PDB file of N, CA and C in Angstrom:
ATOM      1  N   MET A   1     130.772 102.528  83.281  1.00  0.00           N
ATOM      2  CA  MET A   1     129.772 103.226  84.083  1.00  0.00           C
ATOM      3  C   MET A   1     129.013 102.194  84.917  1.00  0.00           C
ATOM      4  N   GLN A   2     128.868 102.485  86.159  1.00  0.00           N
ATOM      5  CA  GLN A   2     128.194 101.570  87.059  1.00  0.00           C
ATOM      6  C   GLN A   2     126.776 102.072  87.336  1.00  0.00           C
ATOM      7  N   GLU A   3     125.798 101.229  87.037  1.00  0.00           N
ATOM      8  CA  GLU A   3     124.408 101.591  87.284  1.00  0.00           C
ATOM      9  C   GLU A   3     124.050 101.231  88.712  1.00  0.00           C
ATOM     10  N   THR A   4     123.160 102.013  89.302  1.00  0.00           N
ATOM     11  CA  THR A   4     122.687 101.680  90.646  1.00  0.00           C
ATOM     12  C   THR A   4     121.325 101.022  90.544  1.00  0.00           C
ATOM     13  N   PHE A   5     121.043 100.204  91.503  1.00  0.00           N
ATOM     14  CA  PHE A   5     119.737  99.562  91.571  1.00  0.00           C
ATOM     15  C   PHE A   5     119.376  99.372  93.031  1.00  0.00           C
ATOM     16  N   ARG A   6     118.137  99.190  93.249  1.00  0.00           N
ATOM     17  CA  ARG A   6     117.654  98.942  94.613  1.00  0.00           C
ATOM     18  C   ARG A   6     116.683  97.782  94.536  1.00  0.00           C
ATOM     19  N   LEU A   7     117.105  96.662  95.087  1.00  0.00           N
ATOM     20  CA  LEU A   7     116.231  95.495  95.118  1.00  0.00           C
ATOM     21  C   LEU A   7     115.144  95.687  96.154  1.00  0.00           C
ATOM     22  N   LYS A   8     113.996  95.200  95.839  1.00  0.00           N
ATOM     23  CA  LYS A   8     112.910  95.158  96.813  1.00  0.00           C
ATOM     24  C   LYS A   8     112.140  93.870  96.572  1.00  0.00           C
ATOM     25  N   ILE A   9     111.408  93.477  97.557  1.00  0.00           N
ATOM     26  CA  ILE A   9     110.630  92.252  97.452  1.00  0.00           C
ATOM     27  C   ILE A   9     109.237  92.587  96.920  1.00  0.00           C
ATOM     28  N   ALA A  10     108.723  91.723  96.081  1.00  0.00           N
ATOM     29  CA  ALA A  10     107.363  91.881  95.555  1.00  0.00           C
ATOM     30  C   ALA A  10     106.651  90.536  95.701  1.00  0.00           C
ATOM     31  N   TYR A  11     105.408  90.576  96.115  1.00  0.00           N
ATOM     32  CA  TYR A  11     104.660  89.342  96.343  1.00  0.00           C
ATOM     33  C   TYR A  11     103.176  89.648  96.424  1.00  0.00           C
ATOM     34  N   LYS A  12     102.385  88.618  96.274  1.00  0.00           N
ATOM     35  CA  LYS A  12     100.940  88.690  96.482  1.00  0.00           C
ATOM     36  C   LYS A  12     100.577  87.552  97.420  1.00  0.00           C
ATOM     37  N   VAL A  13      99.624  87.811  98.278  1.00  0.00           N
ATOM     38  CA  VAL A  13      99.190  86.797  99.244  1.00  0.00           C
ATOM     39  C   VAL A  13      97.692  86.606  99.093  1.00  0.00           C
ATOM     40  N   TRP A  14      97.269  85.368  98.914  1.00  0.00           N
ATOM     41  CA  TRP A  14      95.844  85.079  98.874  1.00  0.00           C
ATOM     42  C   TRP A  14      95.590  83.724  99.501  1.00  0.00           C
ATOM     43  N   LEU A  15      94.354  83.490  99.846  1.00  0.00           N
ATOM     44  CA  LEU A  15      93.918  82.211 100.395  1.00  0.00           C
ATOM     45  C   LEU A  15      93.339  81.396  99.262  1.00  0.00           C
ATOM     46  N   ASP A  16      93.598  80.108  99.270  1.00  0.00           N
ATOM     47  CA  ASP A  16      93.205  79.245  98.164  1.00  0.00           C
ATOM     48  C   ASP A  16      92.371  78.074  98.686  1.00  0.00           C
ATOM     49  N   ASN A  17      91.333  77.738  97.948  1.00  0.00           N
ATOM     50  CA  ASN A  17      90.529  76.551  98.224  1.00  0.00           C
ATOM     51  C   ASN A  17      90.018  76.046  96.883  1.00  0.00           C
ATOM     52  N   ASN A  18      90.811  75.204  96.241  1.00  0.00           N
ATOM     53  CA  ASN A  18      90.521  74.763  94.872  1.00  0.00           C
ATOM     54  C   ASN A  18      90.413  75.964  93.936  1.00  0.00           C
ATOM     55  N   GLY A  19      91.332  76.879  94.077  1.00  0.00           N
ATOM     56  CA  GLY A  19      91.343  78.127  93.323  1.00  0.00           C
ATOM     57  C   GLY A  19      91.386  79.291  94.289  1.00  0.00           C
ATOM     58  N   LYS A  20      91.689  80.467  93.758  1.00  0.00           N
ATOM     59  CA  LYS A  20      91.793  81.657  94.597  1.00  0.00           C
ATOM     60  C   LYS A  20      90.473  81.904  95.313  1.00  0.00           C
ATOM     61  N   ALA A  21      90.542  81.917  96.644  1.00  0.00           N
ATOM     62  CA  ALA A  21      89.331  82.083  97.439  1.00  0.00           C
ATOM     63  C   ALA A  21      89.216  83.488  98.037  1.00  0.00           C
ATOM     64  N   PHE A  22      90.335  84.100  98.403  1.00  0.00           N
ATOM     65  CA  PHE A  22      90.260  85.422  99.028  1.00  0.00           C
ATOM     66  C   PHE A  22      91.626  86.070  98.966  1.00  0.00           C
ATOM     67  N   GLY A  23      91.637  87.364  98.612  1.00  0.00           N
ATOM     68  CA  GLY A  23      92.888  88.091  98.515  1.00  0.00           C
ATOM     69  C   GLY A  23      92.669  89.571  98.725  1.00  0.00           C
ATOM     70  N   GLU A  24      93.651  90.354  98.308  1.00  0.00           N
ATOM     71  CA  GLU A  24      93.626  91.796  98.534  1.00  0.00           C
ATOM     72  C   GLU A  24      92.432  92.484  97.871  1.00  0.00           C
ATOM     73  N   GLY A  25      92.131  92.135  96.621  1.00  0.00           N
ATOM     74  CA  GLY A  25      91.006  92.768  95.928  1.00  0.00           C
ATOM     75  C   GLY A  25      89.675  92.546  96.624  1.00  0.00           C
ATOM     76  N   PRO A  26      89.316  91.288  96.899  1.00  0.00           N
ATOM     77  CA  PRO A  26      88.075  91.040  97.626  1.00  0.00           C
ATOM     78  C   PRO A  26      88.058  91.678  99.017  1.00  0.00           C
ATOM     79  N   CYS A  27      89.210  91.719  99.673  1.00  0.00           N
ATOM     80  CA  CYS A  27      89.272  92.354 100.993  1.00  0.00           C
ATOM     81  C   CYS A  27      88.954  93.844 100.866  1.00  0.00           C
ATOM     82  N   GLN A  28      89.519  94.499  99.847  1.00  0.00           N
ATOM     83  CA  GLN A  28      89.224  95.920  99.613  1.00  0.00           C
ATOM     84  C   GLN A  28      87.744  96.127  99.290  1.00  0.00           C
ATOM     85  N   LEU A  29      87.179  95.217  98.498  1.00  0.00           N
ATOM     86  CA  LEU A  29      85.761  95.309  98.159  1.00  0.00           C
ATOM     87  C   LEU A  29      84.905  95.232  99.425  1.00  0.00           C
ATOM     88  N   LEU A  30      85.213  94.285 100.307  1.00  0.00           N
ATOM     89  CA  LEU A  30      84.454  94.160 101.557  1.00  0.00           C
ATOM     90  C   LEU A  30      84.605  95.404 102.426  1.00  0.00           C
ATOM     91  N   LYS A  31      85.806  95.961 102.497  1.00  0.00           N
ATOM     92  CA  LYS A  31      86.020  97.177 103.287  1.00  0.00           C
ATOM     93  C   LYS A  31      85.156  98.321 102.766  1.00  0.00           C
ATOM     94  N   ARG A  32      85.070  98.421 101.453  1.00  0.00           N
ATOM     95  CA  ARG A  32      84.264  99.499 100.862  1.00  0.00           C
ATOM     96  C   ARG A  32      82.775  99.254 101.051  1.00  0.00           C
ATOM     97  N   ILE A  33      82.365  98.001 101.016  1.00  0.00           N
ATOM     98  CA  ILE A  33      80.962  97.684 101.310  1.00  0.00           C
ATOM     99  C   ILE A  33      80.661  98.080 102.752  1.00  0.00           C
ATOM    100  N   GLU A  34      81.604  97.803 103.627  1.00  0.00           N
ATOM    101  CA  GLU A  34      81.433  98.132 105.043  1.00  0.00           C
ATOM    102  C   GLU A  34      81.248  99.637 105.239  1.00  0.00           C
ATOM    103  N   THR A  35      82.021 100.443 104.526  1.00  0.00           N
ATOM    104  CA  THR A  35      81.925 101.898 104.718  1.00  0.00           C
ATOM    105  C   THR A  35      80.763 102.526 103.966  1.00  0.00           C
ATOM    106  N   THR A  36      80.411 101.964 102.804  1.00  0.00           N
ATOM    107  CA  THR A  36      79.333 102.572 102.009  1.00  0.00           C
ATOM    108  C   THR A  36      77.969 101.948 102.265  1.00  0.00           C
ATOM    109  N   GLY A  37      77.961 100.695 102.740  1.00  0.00           N
ATOM    110  CA  GLY A  37      76.695  99.991 102.928  1.00  0.00           C
ATOM    111  C   GLY A  37      76.084  99.538 101.612  1.00  0.00           C
ATOM    112  N   SER A  38      76.921  99.524 100.559  1.00  0.00           N
ATOM    113  CA  SER A  38      76.388  99.219  99.229  1.00  0.00           C
ATOM    114  C   SER A  38      77.424  98.495  98.376  1.00  0.00           C
ATOM    115  N   LEU A  39      77.045  97.353  97.837  1.00  0.00           N
ATOM    116  CA  LEU A  39      77.907  96.641  96.900  1.00  0.00           C
ATOM    117  C   LEU A  39      78.077  97.477  95.630  1.00  0.00           C
ATOM    118  N   HIS A  40      77.003  98.078  95.169  1.00  0.00           N
ATOM    119  CA  HIS A  40      77.057  98.901  93.962  1.00  0.00           C
ATOM    120  C   HIS A  40      78.045 100.053  94.131  1.00  0.00           C
ATOM    121  N   GLN A  41      77.945 100.769  95.236  1.00  0.00           N
ATOM    122  CA  GLN A  41      78.834 101.906  95.496  1.00  0.00           C
ATOM    123  C   GLN A  41      80.276 101.436  95.650  1.00  0.00           C
ATOM    124  N   ALA A  42      80.480 100.332  96.359  1.00  0.00           N
ATOM    125  CA  ALA A  42      81.827  99.793  96.545  1.00  0.00           C
ATOM    126  C   ALA A  42      82.451  99.432  95.205  1.00  0.00           C
ATOM    127  N   ALA A  43      81.679  98.798  94.351  1.00  0.00           N
ATOM    128  CA  ALA A  43      82.174  98.424  93.022  1.00  0.00           C
ATOM    129  C   ALA A  43      82.543  99.671  92.218  1.00  0.00           C
ATOM    130  N   MET A  44      81.694 100.692  92.264  1.00  0.00           N
ATOM    131  CA  MET A  44      81.983 101.934  91.534  1.00  0.00           C
ATOM    132  C   MET A  44      83.282 102.563  92.024  1.00  0.00           C
ATOM    133  N   GLU A  45      83.491 102.579  93.333  1.00  0.00           N
ATOM    134  CA  GLU A  45      84.709 103.161  93.893  1.00  0.00           C
ATOM    135  C   GLU A  45      85.957 102.409  93.420  1.00  0.00           C
ATOM    136  N   MET A  46      85.795 101.112  93.160  1.00  0.00           N
ATOM    137  CA  MET A  46      86.923 100.302  92.704  1.00  0.00           C
ATOM    138  C   MET A  46      87.005 100.247  91.176  1.00  0.00           C
ATOM    139  N   LYS A  47      86.135 101.024  90.521  1.00  0.00           N
ATOM    140  CA  LYS A  47      86.080 101.038  89.055  1.00  0.00           C
ATOM    141  C   LYS A  47      85.847  99.631  88.498  1.00  0.00           C
ATOM    142  N   MET A  48      84.905  98.952  89.137  1.00  0.00           N
ATOM    143  CA  MET A  48      84.536  97.583  88.790  1.00  0.00           C
ATOM    144  C   MET A  48      83.038  97.574  88.519  1.00  0.00           C
ATOM    145  N   SER A  49      82.609  96.758  87.586  1.00  0.00           N
ATOM    146  CA  SER A  49      81.183  96.673  87.330  1.00  0.00           C
ATOM    147  C   SER A  49      80.493  95.981  88.508  1.00  0.00           C
ATOM    148  N   TYR A  50      79.240  96.327  88.712  1.00  0.00           N
ATOM    149  CA  TYR A  50      78.460  95.687  89.770  1.00  0.00           C
ATOM    150  C   TYR A  50      78.423  94.184  89.536  1.00  0.00           C
ATOM    151  N   ARG A  51      78.227  93.796  88.281  1.00  0.00           N
ATOM    152  CA  ARG A  51      78.136  92.376  87.943  1.00  0.00           C
ATOM    153  C   ARG A  51      79.418  91.629  88.316  1.00  0.00           C
ATOM    154  N   LYS A  52      80.575  92.224  88.007  1.00  0.00           N
ATOM    155  CA  LYS A  52      81.853  91.580  88.352  1.00  0.00           C
ATOM    156  C   LYS A  52      82.007  91.475  89.869  1.00  0.00           C
ATOM    157  N   ALA A  53      81.654  92.529  90.586  1.00  0.00           N
ATOM    158  CA  ALA A  53      81.755  92.509  92.047  1.00  0.00           C
ATOM    159  C   ALA A  53      80.844  91.436  92.630  1.00  0.00           C
ATOM    160  N   TRP A  54      79.619  91.385  92.137  1.00  0.00           N
ATOM    161  CA  TRP A  54      78.647  90.410  92.632  1.00  0.00           C
ATOM    162  C   TRP A  54      79.126  88.997  92.323  1.00  0.00           C
ATOM    163  N   THR A  55      79.578  88.757  91.092  1.00  0.00           N
ATOM    164  CA  THR A  55      80.066  87.435  90.687  1.00  0.00           C
ATOM    165  C   THR A  55      81.282  87.029  91.514  1.00  0.00           C
ATOM    166  N   THR A  56      82.185  87.966  91.737  1.00  0.00           N
ATOM    167  CA  THR A  56      83.379  87.692  92.545  1.00  0.00           C
ATOM    168  C   THR A  56      82.985  87.239  93.941  1.00  0.00           C
ATOM    169  N   LEU A  57      82.073  87.975  94.568  1.00  0.00           N
ATOM    170  CA  LEU A  57      81.654  87.610  95.924  1.00  0.00           C
ATOM    171  C   LEU A  57      80.937  86.267  95.949  1.00  0.00           C
ATOM    172  N   LYS A  58      80.076  86.015  94.965  1.00  0.00           N
ATOM    173  CA  LYS A  58      79.371  84.721  94.908  1.00  0.00           C
ATOM    174  C   LYS A  58      80.366  83.574  94.751  1.00  0.00           C
ATOM    175  N   ASP A  59      81.376  83.744  93.901  1.00  0.00           N
ATOM    176  CA  ASP A  59      82.399  82.711  93.709  1.00  0.00           C
ATOM    177  C   ASP A  59      83.180  82.460  95.000  1.00  0.00           C
ATOM    178  N   ILE A  60      83.539  83.533  95.680  1.00  0.00           N
ATOM    179  CA  ILE A  60      84.281  83.400  96.940  1.00  0.00           C
ATOM    180  C   ILE A  60      83.425  82.704  97.987  1.00  0.00           C
ATOM    181  N   GLU A  61      82.172  83.118  98.099  1.00  0.00           N
ATOM    182  CA  GLU A  61      81.277  82.482  99.068  1.00  0.00           C
ATOM    183  C   GLU A  61      81.140  80.991  98.779  1.00  0.00           C
ATOM    184  N   ALA A  62      81.063  80.619  97.510  1.00  0.00           N
ATOM    185  CA  ALA A  62      80.963  79.197  97.147  1.00  0.00           C
ATOM    186  C   ALA A  62      82.235  78.450  97.542  1.00  0.00           C
ATOM    187  N   ARG A  63      83.397  79.064  97.325  1.00  0.00           N
ATOM    188  CA  ARG A  63      84.666  78.413  97.691  1.00  0.00           C
ATOM    189  C   ARG A  63      84.836  78.289  99.189  1.00  0.00           C
ATOM    190  N   LEU A  64      84.359  79.293  99.930  1.00  0.00           N
ATOM    191  CA  LEU A  64      84.544  79.297 101.381  1.00  0.00           C
ATOM    192  C   LEU A  64      83.435  78.561 102.133  1.00  0.00           C
ATOM    193  N   GLY A  65      82.263  78.500 101.533  1.00  0.00           N
ATOM    194  CA  GLY A  65      81.157  77.811 102.188  1.00  0.00           C
ATOM    195  C   GLY A  65      80.372  78.659 103.173  1.00  0.00           C
ATOM    196  N   PHE A  66      80.538  79.986 103.095  1.00  0.00           N
ATOM    197  CA  PHE A  66      79.734  80.874 103.945  1.00  0.00           C
ATOM    198  C   PHE A  66      79.561  82.220 103.252  1.00  0.00           C
ATOM    199  N   LEU A  67      78.524  82.962 103.689  1.00  0.00           N
ATOM    200  CA  LEU A  67      78.224  84.270 103.112  1.00  0.00           C
ATOM    201  C   LEU A  67      79.170  85.335 103.645  1.00  0.00           C
ATOM    202  N   LEU A  68      79.576  86.237 102.774  1.00  0.00           N
ATOM    203  CA  LEU A  68      80.406  87.368 103.170  1.00  0.00           C
ATOM    204  C   LEU A  68      79.567  88.614 103.426  1.00  0.00           C
ATOM    205  N   ILE A  69      78.490  88.764 102.650  1.00  0.00           N
ATOM    206  CA  ILE A  69      77.621  89.922 102.838  1.00  0.00           C
ATOM    207  C   ILE A  69      76.166  89.480 102.862  1.00  0.00           C
ATOM    208  N   GLU A  70      75.374  90.280 103.555  1.00  0.00           N
ATOM    209  CA  GLU A  70      73.923  90.107 103.546  1.00  0.00           C
ATOM    210  C   GLU A  70      73.376  91.218 102.664  1.00  0.00           C
ATOM    211  N   ARG A  71      72.541  90.834 101.708  1.00  0.00           N
ATOM    212  CA  ARG A  71      71.998  91.794 100.756  1.00  0.00           C
ATOM    213  C   ARG A  71      70.555  92.116 101.121  1.00  0.00           C
ATOM    214  N   LYS A  72      70.231  93.406 101.042  1.00  0.00           N
ATOM    215  CA  LYS A  72      68.856  93.838 101.259  1.00  0.00           C
ATOM    216  C   LYS A  72      68.331  94.378  99.944  1.00  0.00           C
ATOM    217  N   VAL A  73      67.197  93.863  99.513  1.00  0.00           N
ATOM    218  CA  VAL A  73      66.591  94.300  98.256  1.00  0.00           C
ATOM    219  C   VAL A  73      66.070  95.713  98.433  1.00  0.00           C
ATOM    220  N   GLY A  74      66.154  96.520  97.388  1.00  0.00           N
ATOM    221  CA  GLY A  74      65.704  97.914  97.429  1.00  0.00           C
ATOM    222  C   GLY A  74      64.224  98.040  97.733  1.00  0.00           C
ATOM    223  N   GLY A  75      63.795  99.215  97.853  1.00  0.00           N
ATOM    224  CA  GLY A  75      62.410  99.521  98.177  1.00  0.00           C
ATOM    225  C   GLY A  75      62.347 100.973  98.593  1.00  0.00           C
ATOM    226  N   VAL A  76      61.357 101.317  99.391  1.00  0.00           N
ATOM    227  CA  VAL A  76      61.209 102.699  99.842  1.00  0.00           C
ATOM    228  C   VAL A  76      62.462 103.156 100.584  1.00  0.00           C
ATOM    229  N   ALA A  77      62.965 102.304 101.473  1.00  0.00           N
ATOM    230  CA  ALA A  77      64.159 102.643 102.247  1.00  0.00           C
ATOM    231  C   ALA A  77      65.436 102.392 101.462  1.00  0.00           C
ATOM    232  N   GLY A  78      65.333 101.788 100.305  1.00  0.00           N
ATOM    233  CA  GLY A  78      66.516 101.478  99.498  1.00  0.00           C
ATOM    234  C   GLY A  78      67.128 100.161  99.915  1.00  0.00           C
ATOM    235  N   GLY A  79      67.956  99.614  99.060  1.00  0.00           N
ATOM    236  CA  GLY A  79      68.633  98.353  99.352  1.00  0.00           C
ATOM    237  C   GLY A  79      69.942  98.618 100.050  1.00  0.00           C
ATOM    238  N   GLY A  80      70.752  97.608 100.089  1.00  0.00           N
ATOM    239  CA  GLY A  80      72.056  97.780 100.703  1.00  0.00           C
ATOM    240  C   GLY A  80      72.688  96.440 100.993  1.00  0.00           C
ATOM    241  N   SER A  81      73.892  96.492 101.475  1.00  0.00           N
ATOM    242  CA  SER A  81      74.634  95.285 101.824  1.00  0.00           C
ATOM    243  C   SER A  81      75.401  95.549 103.112  1.00  0.00           C
ATOM    244  N   GLN A  82      75.511  94.514 103.903  1.00  0.00           N
ATOM    245  CA  GLN A  82      76.364  94.617 105.083  1.00  0.00           C
ATOM    246  C   GLN A  82      77.176  93.342 105.227  1.00  0.00           C
ATOM    247  N   ILE A  83      78.341  93.486 105.822  1.00  0.00           N
ATOM    248  CA  ILE A  83      79.259  92.364 105.987  1.00  0.00           C
ATOM    249  C   ILE A  83      78.729  91.441 107.086  1.00  0.00           C
ATOM    250  N   THR A  84      78.780  90.132 106.825  1.00  0.00           N
ATOM    251  CA  THR A  84      78.367  89.162 107.841  1.00  0.00           C
ATOM    252  C   THR A  84      79.453  89.061 108.916  1.00  0.00           C
ATOM    253  N   GLU A  85      79.119  88.437 110.023  1.00  0.00           N
ATOM    254  CA  GLU A  85      80.099  88.231 111.086  1.00  0.00           C
ATOM    255  C   GLU A  85      81.280  87.410 110.567  1.00  0.00           C
ATOM    256  N   GLN A  86      80.986  86.362 109.787  1.00  0.00           N
ATOM    257  CA  GLN A  86      82.069  85.552 109.219  1.00  0.00           C
ATOM    258  C   GLN A  86      82.896  86.368 108.234  1.00  0.00           C
ATOM    259  N   GLY A  87      82.260  87.253 107.503  1.00  0.00           N
ATOM    260  CA  GLY A  87      82.986  88.141 106.592  1.00  0.00           C
ATOM    261  C   GLY A  87      83.921  89.067 107.345  1.00  0.00           C
ATOM    262  N   HIS A  88      83.438  89.642 108.460  1.00  0.00           N
ATOM    263  CA  HIS A  88      84.281  90.491 109.305  1.00  0.00           C
ATOM    264  C   HIS A  88      85.471  89.703 109.844  1.00  0.00           C
ATOM    265  N   ASN A  89      85.207  88.497 110.330  1.00  0.00           N
ATOM    266  CA  ASN A  89      86.287  87.668 110.867  1.00  0.00           C
ATOM    267  C   ASN A  89      87.333  87.366 109.802  1.00  0.00           C
ATOM    268  N   LEU A  90      86.876  87.036 108.603  1.00  0.00           N
ATOM    269  CA  LEU A  90      87.792  86.736 107.505  1.00  0.00           C
ATOM    270  C   LEU A  90      88.651  87.962 107.187  1.00  0.00           C
ATOM    271  N   MET A  91      88.024  89.134 107.046  1.00  0.00           N
ATOM    272  CA  MET A  91      88.782  90.366 106.765  1.00  0.00           C
ATOM    273  C   MET A  91      89.818  90.624 107.844  1.00  0.00           C
ATOM    274  N   HIS A  92      89.396  90.525 109.089  1.00  0.00           N
ATOM    275  CA  HIS A  92      90.281  90.808 110.222  1.00  0.00           C
ATOM    276  C   HIS A  92      91.489  89.863 110.221  1.00  0.00           C
ATOM    277  N   HIS A  93      91.225  88.574 110.108  1.00  0.00           N
ATOM    278  CA  HIS A  93      92.324  87.603 110.137  1.00  0.00           C
ATOM    279  C   HIS A  93      93.214  87.721 108.905  1.00  0.00           C
ATOM    280  N   TYR A  94      92.622  87.977 107.747  1.00  0.00           N
ATOM    281  CA  TYR A  94      93.409  88.136 106.523  1.00  0.00           C
ATOM    282  C   TYR A  94      94.347  89.341 106.643  1.00  0.00           C
ATOM    283  N   GLU A  95      93.829  90.456 107.154  1.00  0.00           N
ATOM    284  CA  GLU A  95      94.661  91.650 107.287  1.00  0.00           C
ATOM    285  C   GLU A  95      95.795  91.434 108.284  1.00  0.00           C
ATOM    286  N   GLU A  96      95.517  90.802 109.402  1.00  0.00           N
ATOM    287  CA  GLU A  96      96.574  90.501 110.374  1.00  0.00           C
ATOM    288  C   GLU A  96      97.597  89.536 109.780  1.00  0.00           C
ATOM    289  N   PHE A  97      97.118  88.543 109.058  1.00  0.00           N
ATOM    290  CA  PHE A  97      97.995  87.577 108.400  1.00  0.00           C
ATOM    291  C   PHE A  97      98.910  88.292 107.411  1.00  0.00           C
ATOM    292  N   ARG A  98      98.357  89.186 106.600  1.00  0.00           N
ATOM    293  CA  ARG A  98      99.160  89.923 105.615  1.00  0.00           C
ATOM    294  C   ARG A  98     100.244  90.747 106.283  1.00  0.00           C
ATOM    295  N   VAL A  99      99.937  91.374 107.407  1.00  0.00           N
ATOM    296  CA  VAL A  99     100.944  92.168 108.129  1.00  0.00           C
ATOM    297  C   VAL A  99     102.089  91.260 108.581  1.00  0.00           C
ATOM    298  N   GLU A 100     101.748  90.114 109.152  1.00  0.00           N
ATOM    299  CA  GLU A 100     102.787  89.189 109.615  1.00  0.00           C
ATOM    300  C   GLU A 100     103.598  88.631 108.456  1.00  0.00           C
ATOM    301  N   VAL A 101     102.941  88.327 107.339  1.00  0.00           N
ATOM    302  CA  VAL A 101     103.652  87.837 106.153  1.00  0.00           C
ATOM    303  C   VAL A 101     104.632  88.913 105.680  1.00  0.00           C
ATOM    304  N   LYS A 102     104.174  90.153 105.601  1.00  0.00           N
ATOM    305  CA  LYS A 102     105.031  91.253 105.146  1.00  0.00           C
ATOM    306  C   LYS A 102     106.253  91.381 106.042  1.00  0.00           C
ATOM    307  N   GLU A 103     106.038  91.396 107.354  1.00  0.00           N
ATOM    308  CA  GLU A 103     107.149  91.526 108.293  1.00  0.00           C
ATOM    309  C   GLU A 103     108.125  90.359 108.159  1.00  0.00           C
ATOM    310  N   SER A 104     107.608  89.163 108.062  1.00  0.00           N
ATOM    311  CA  SER A 104     108.461  87.978 107.939  1.00  0.00           C
ATOM    312  C   SER A 104     109.245  87.987 106.637  1.00  0.00           C
ATOM    313  N   LEU A 105     108.576  88.292 105.528  1.00  0.00           N
ATOM    314  CA  LEU A 105     109.260  88.318 104.237  1.00  0.00           C
ATOM    315  C   LEU A 105     110.318  89.416 104.183  1.00  0.00           C
ATOM    316  N   GLU A 106     110.032  90.569 104.757  1.00  0.00           N
ATOM    317  CA  GLU A 106     111.029  91.650 104.793  1.00  0.00           C
ATOM    318  C   GLU A 106     112.256  91.225 105.587  1.00  0.00           C
ATOM    319  N   ARG A 107     112.044  90.571 106.713  1.00  0.00           N
ATOM    320  CA  ARG A 107     113.142  90.100 107.554  1.00  0.00           C
ATOM    321  C   ARG A 107     113.997  89.069 106.795  1.00  0.00           C
ATOM    322  N   ILE A 108     113.342  88.113 106.141  1.00  0.00           N
ATOM    323  CA  ILE A 108     114.055  87.079 105.379  1.00  0.00           C
ATOM    324  C   ILE A 108     114.762  87.706 104.179  1.00  0.00           C
ATOM    325  N   PHE A 109     114.111  88.638 103.506  1.00  0.00           N
ATOM    326  CA  PHE A 109     114.714  89.324 102.372  1.00  0.00           C
ATOM    327  C   PHE A 109     115.993  90.042 102.802  1.00  0.00           C
ATOM    328  N   GLN A 110     115.920  90.776 103.908  1.00  0.00           N
ATOM    329  CA  GLN A 110     117.099  91.492 104.410  1.00  0.00           C
ATOM    330  C   GLN A 110     118.231  90.527 104.752  1.00  0.00           C
ATOM    331  N   LYS A 111     117.895  89.403 105.326  1.00  0.00           N
ATOM    332  CA  LYS A 111     118.896  88.395 105.681  1.00  0.00           C
ATOM    333  C   LYS A 111     119.680  87.946 104.451  1.00  0.00           C
ATOM    334  N   HIS A 112     119.009  87.766 103.332  1.00  0.00           N
ATOM    335  CA  HIS A 112     119.641  87.222 102.149  1.00  0.00           C
ATOM    336  C   HIS A 112     120.177  88.268 101.168  1.00  0.00           C
ATOM    337  N   PHE A 113     119.633  89.488 101.185  1.00  0.00           N
ATOM    338  CA  PHE A 113     119.995  90.448 100.157  1.00  0.00           C
ATOM    339  C   PHE A 113     120.546  91.774 100.659  1.00  0.00           C
ATOM    340  N   HIS A 114     120.653  91.979 101.966  1.00  0.00           N
ATOM    341  CA  HIS A 114     121.116  93.271 102.460  1.00  0.00           C
ATOM    342  C   HIS A 114     122.528  93.601 101.985  1.00  0.00           C
ATOM    343  N   SER A 115     123.373  92.598 101.802  1.00  0.00           N
ATOM    344  CA  SER A 115     124.764  92.850 101.413  1.00  0.00           C
ATOM    345  C   SER A 115     124.899  93.261  99.941  1.00  0.00           C
ATOM    346  N   MET A 116     123.841  93.122  99.166  1.00  0.00           N
ATOM    347  CA  MET A 116     123.940  93.494  97.751  1.00  0.00           C
ATOM    348  C   MET A 116     123.869  95.000  97.559  1.00  0.00           C
ATOM    349  N   GLY A 117     123.475  95.718  98.600  1.00  0.00           N
ATOM    350  CA  GLY A 117     123.480  97.184  98.560  1.00  0.00           C
ATOM    351  C   GLY A 117     122.745  97.760  97.368  1.00  0.00           C
ATOM    352  N   ASN A 118     123.293  98.853  96.856  1.00  0.00           N
ATOM    353  CA  ASN A 118     122.676  99.562  95.738  1.00  0.00           C
ATOM    354  C   ASN A 118     123.586  99.600  94.530  1.00  0.00           C
ATOM    355  N   LYS A 119     124.467  98.638  94.394  1.00  0.00           N
ATOM    356  CA  LYS A 119     125.392  98.623  93.266  1.00  0.00           C
ATOM    357  C   LYS A 119     125.092  97.469  92.351  1.00  0.00           C
ATOM    358  N   LYS A 120     125.490  97.623  91.132  1.00  0.00           N
ATOM    359  CA  LYS A 120     125.325  96.557  90.138  1.00  0.00           C
ATOM    360  C   LYS A 120     126.666  95.951  89.835  1.00  0.00           C
TER     361      LYS A 120
END
């Protein structure tokens, strides 16, 4: 009996600076902060504790050397967070980079594995 299989490529892409500095998870967190205006709300949407989200962003900011979000302390109008200009630039370039990486890896994968088809 011949089993069928379908190969596909799997990978993760992140930026490194003496350790993981930025990747898909932090990018998603920033996107959610951008839409909700709140680190707390963004963390909840990702099923992440506020503390973990805050610590993650602080660690990334330390590795990168710039702020990703500006935090506003609560009060009558409430608190909130917004993405800094450098944070927006990082998200934008990271997302474009990921698209190009995906396209390139798919092309290289097809070059080397297309002939293997769906047979074992």
